[in-house]
Amino acid sequence: MSHKKGKQTIGCEVNGCAFWENQYCGLDGIKVTPCQHVNNGVPEDETLCASYSKKQGR
C-alpha cells in the first residue's frame, strides 16, 4: 500500500458536507475511522469520513 501525501483526488457524494465541491472533497486529505461496534463486512456500515463537517444552513 502506498503512503501518498500531497495532491490527491478524493471523490465524494456527500453534498451535505461543508467540504463537498461538485462531486469531490475540497480537503487536501481526510481521516477515515471505523464505526463503533460494527463488524458486518459492509463498507458503508464499518467506516466513515471523520473529516465530515455539516454545511451551514442545513
N, C-alpha and C. Protein backbone atom coordinates (compact mmCIF):
# COMPACT_ATOMS: atom_id res chain seq x y z
N MET A 1 0.84 -1.19 0.00
CA MET A 1 0.00 0.00 0.00
C MET A 1 0.88 1.25 0.00
N SER A 2 0.49 2.22 -0.78
CA SER A 2 1.23 3.47 -0.89
C SER A 2 0.89 4.40 0.28
N HIS A 3 1.84 5.18 0.69
CA HIS A 3 1.62 6.19 1.73
C HIS A 3 1.72 7.56 1.10
N LYS A 4 0.82 7.86 0.17
CA LYS A 4 0.83 9.12 -0.57
C LYS A 4 0.55 10.30 0.35
N LYS A 5 1.19 11.38 0.05
CA LYS A 5 0.90 12.65 0.70
C LYS A 5 0.92 13.71 -0.38
N GLY A 6 0.24 14.80 -0.15
CA GLY A 6 0.22 15.86 -1.14
C GLY A 6 -1.07 15.87 -1.91
N LYS A 7 -1.00 16.16 -3.19
CA LYS A 7 -2.20 16.31 -4.01
C LYS A 7 -2.80 14.97 -4.37
N GLN A 8 -4.03 14.76 -3.91
CA GLN A 8 -4.79 13.57 -4.23
C GLN A 8 -6.21 13.99 -4.55
N THR A 9 -6.89 13.20 -5.33
CA THR A 9 -8.28 13.46 -5.65
C THR A 9 -9.15 12.55 -4.81
N ILE A 10 -10.07 13.13 -4.07
CA ILE A 10 -10.96 12.37 -3.22
C ILE A 10 -12.38 12.56 -3.73
N GLY A 11 -12.92 11.53 -4.37
CA GLY A 11 -14.30 11.60 -4.84
C GLY A 11 -15.24 11.57 -3.65
N CYS A 12 -16.32 12.34 -3.72
CA CYS A 12 -17.25 12.40 -2.60
C CYS A 12 -18.66 12.65 -3.13
N GLU A 13 -19.63 11.97 -2.55
CA GLU A 13 -21.02 12.15 -2.94
C GLU A 13 -21.86 12.69 -1.79
N VAL A 14 -21.22 13.20 -0.74
CA VAL A 14 -21.93 13.72 0.43
C VAL A 14 -22.07 15.23 0.29
N ASN A 15 -23.09 15.66 -0.46
CA ASN A 15 -23.21 17.09 -0.73
C ASN A 15 -23.68 17.90 0.47
N GLY A 16 -23.98 17.26 1.58
CA GLY A 16 -24.31 17.95 2.82
C GLY A 16 -23.08 18.32 3.63
N CYS A 17 -21.90 17.94 3.16
CA CYS A 17 -20.65 18.24 3.86
C CYS A 17 -20.14 19.62 3.43
N ALA A 18 -19.60 20.35 4.37
CA ALA A 18 -19.08 21.70 4.10
C ALA A 18 -17.91 21.68 3.11
N PHE A 19 -17.24 20.54 2.97
CA PHE A 19 -16.06 20.46 2.10
C PHE A 19 -16.37 19.89 0.72
N TRP A 20 -17.63 19.55 0.46
CA TRP A 20 -18.04 18.98 -0.82
C TRP A 20 -17.97 20.04 -1.91
N GLU A 21 -17.32 19.69 -3.01
CA GLU A 21 -17.18 20.61 -4.14
C GLU A 21 -17.43 19.86 -5.44
N ASN A 22 -18.70 19.85 -5.89
CA ASN A 22 -19.05 19.27 -7.19
C ASN A 22 -18.50 17.86 -7.39
N GLN A 23 -18.91 16.94 -6.54
CA GLN A 23 -18.54 15.52 -6.59
C GLN A 23 -17.15 15.20 -6.04
N TYR A 24 -16.47 16.17 -5.44
CA TYR A 24 -15.13 15.94 -4.88
C TYR A 24 -15.02 16.58 -3.50
N CYS A 25 -14.10 16.06 -2.70
CA CYS A 25 -13.80 16.64 -1.40
C CYS A 25 -12.79 17.76 -1.61
N GLY A 26 -13.05 18.92 -1.01
CA GLY A 26 -12.17 20.06 -1.16
C GLY A 26 -10.98 20.06 -0.21
N LEU A 27 -10.91 19.07 0.67
CA LEU A 27 -9.78 18.99 1.60
C LEU A 27 -8.55 18.39 0.94
N ASP A 28 -7.37 18.70 1.45
CA ASP A 28 -6.14 18.11 0.94
C ASP A 28 -6.01 16.64 1.35
N GLY A 29 -6.67 16.27 2.43
CA GLY A 29 -6.65 14.89 2.91
C GLY A 29 -7.80 14.70 3.87
N ILE A 30 -8.19 13.47 4.08
CA ILE A 30 -9.28 13.15 5.00
C ILE A 30 -8.83 12.09 6.00
N LYS A 31 -9.57 11.96 7.08
CA LYS A 31 -9.33 10.90 8.05
C LYS A 31 -10.52 9.96 7.99
N VAL A 32 -10.26 8.67 7.83
CA VAL A 32 -11.31 7.65 7.80
C VAL A 32 -11.19 6.84 9.08
N THR A 33 -12.31 6.70 9.78
CA THR A 33 -12.30 5.97 11.04
C THR A 33 -13.30 4.82 11.01
N PRO A 34 -13.08 3.79 11.82
CA PRO A 34 -14.04 2.69 11.89
C PRO A 34 -15.24 3.10 12.74
N CYS A 35 -16.39 2.58 12.40
CA CYS A 35 -17.59 2.81 13.21
C CYS A 35 -17.52 1.91 14.44
N GLN A 36 -18.04 2.38 15.53
CA GLN A 36 -18.03 1.62 16.78
C GLN A 36 -18.97 0.42 16.71
N HIS A 37 -18.50 -0.71 17.17
CA HIS A 37 -19.33 -1.91 17.38
C HIS A 37 -20.00 -2.45 16.11
N VAL A 38 -19.37 -2.28 14.97
CA VAL A 38 -19.90 -2.83 13.72
C VAL A 38 -18.82 -3.68 13.08
N ASN A 39 -19.15 -4.90 12.75
CA ASN A 39 -18.18 -5.80 12.13
C ASN A 39 -18.93 -6.74 11.20
N ASN A 40 -19.68 -6.15 10.24
CA ASN A 40 -20.50 -6.98 9.37
C ASN A 40 -19.94 -7.11 7.95
N GLY A 41 -18.81 -6.46 7.67
CA GLY A 41 -18.20 -6.58 6.35
C GLY A 41 -18.79 -5.64 5.30
N VAL A 42 -19.78 -4.85 5.65
CA VAL A 42 -20.39 -3.91 4.71
C VAL A 42 -19.67 -2.56 4.86
N PRO A 43 -18.94 -2.11 3.80
CA PRO A 43 -18.14 -0.90 3.92
C PRO A 43 -18.91 0.32 4.42
N GLU A 44 -20.15 0.50 3.97
CA GLU A 44 -20.93 1.67 4.40
C GLU A 44 -21.22 1.65 5.90
N ASP A 45 -21.27 0.46 6.47
CA ASP A 45 -21.56 0.32 7.89
C ASP A 45 -20.30 0.40 8.75
N GLU A 46 -19.16 0.01 8.21
CA GLU A 46 -17.96 -0.13 9.02
C GLU A 46 -17.05 1.09 9.07
N THR A 47 -17.14 1.97 8.09
CA THR A 47 -16.24 3.12 8.07
C THR A 47 -17.00 4.42 7.84
N LEU A 48 -16.35 5.52 8.22
CA LEU A 48 -16.93 6.82 7.93
C LEU A 48 -15.84 7.86 7.82
N CYS A 49 -16.15 8.93 7.11
CA CYS A 49 -15.19 10.03 6.96
C CYS A 49 -15.25 10.87 8.22
N ALA A 50 -14.19 10.85 8.99
CA ALA A 50 -14.14 11.61 10.24
C ALA A 50 -13.87 13.09 9.98
N SER A 51 -13.61 13.45 8.74
CA SER A 51 -13.36 14.85 8.39
C SER A 51 -14.66 15.59 8.05
N TYR A 52 -15.77 14.87 8.03
CA TYR A 52 -17.08 15.45 7.68
C TYR A 52 -17.42 16.63 8.59
N SER A 53 -17.95 17.67 7.98
CA SER A 53 -18.46 18.82 8.73
C SER A 53 -19.75 19.26 8.03
N LYS A 54 -20.81 19.42 8.80
CA LYS A 54 -22.12 19.78 8.24
C LYS A 54 -22.05 21.16 7.58
N LYS A 55 -22.66 21.26 6.39
CA LYS A 55 -22.77 22.56 5.72
C LYS A 55 -23.62 23.50 6.55
N GLN A 56 -23.26 24.77 6.56
CA GLN A 56 -24.07 25.78 7.25
C GLN A 56 -25.41 25.90 6.56
N GLY A 57 -26.46 26.08 7.31
CA GLY A 57 -27.79 26.27 6.76
C GLY A 57 -28.54 24.99 6.45
N ARG A 58 -27.97 23.83 6.76
CA ARG A 58 -28.64 22.56 6.50
C ARG A 58 -29.23 22.02 7.75
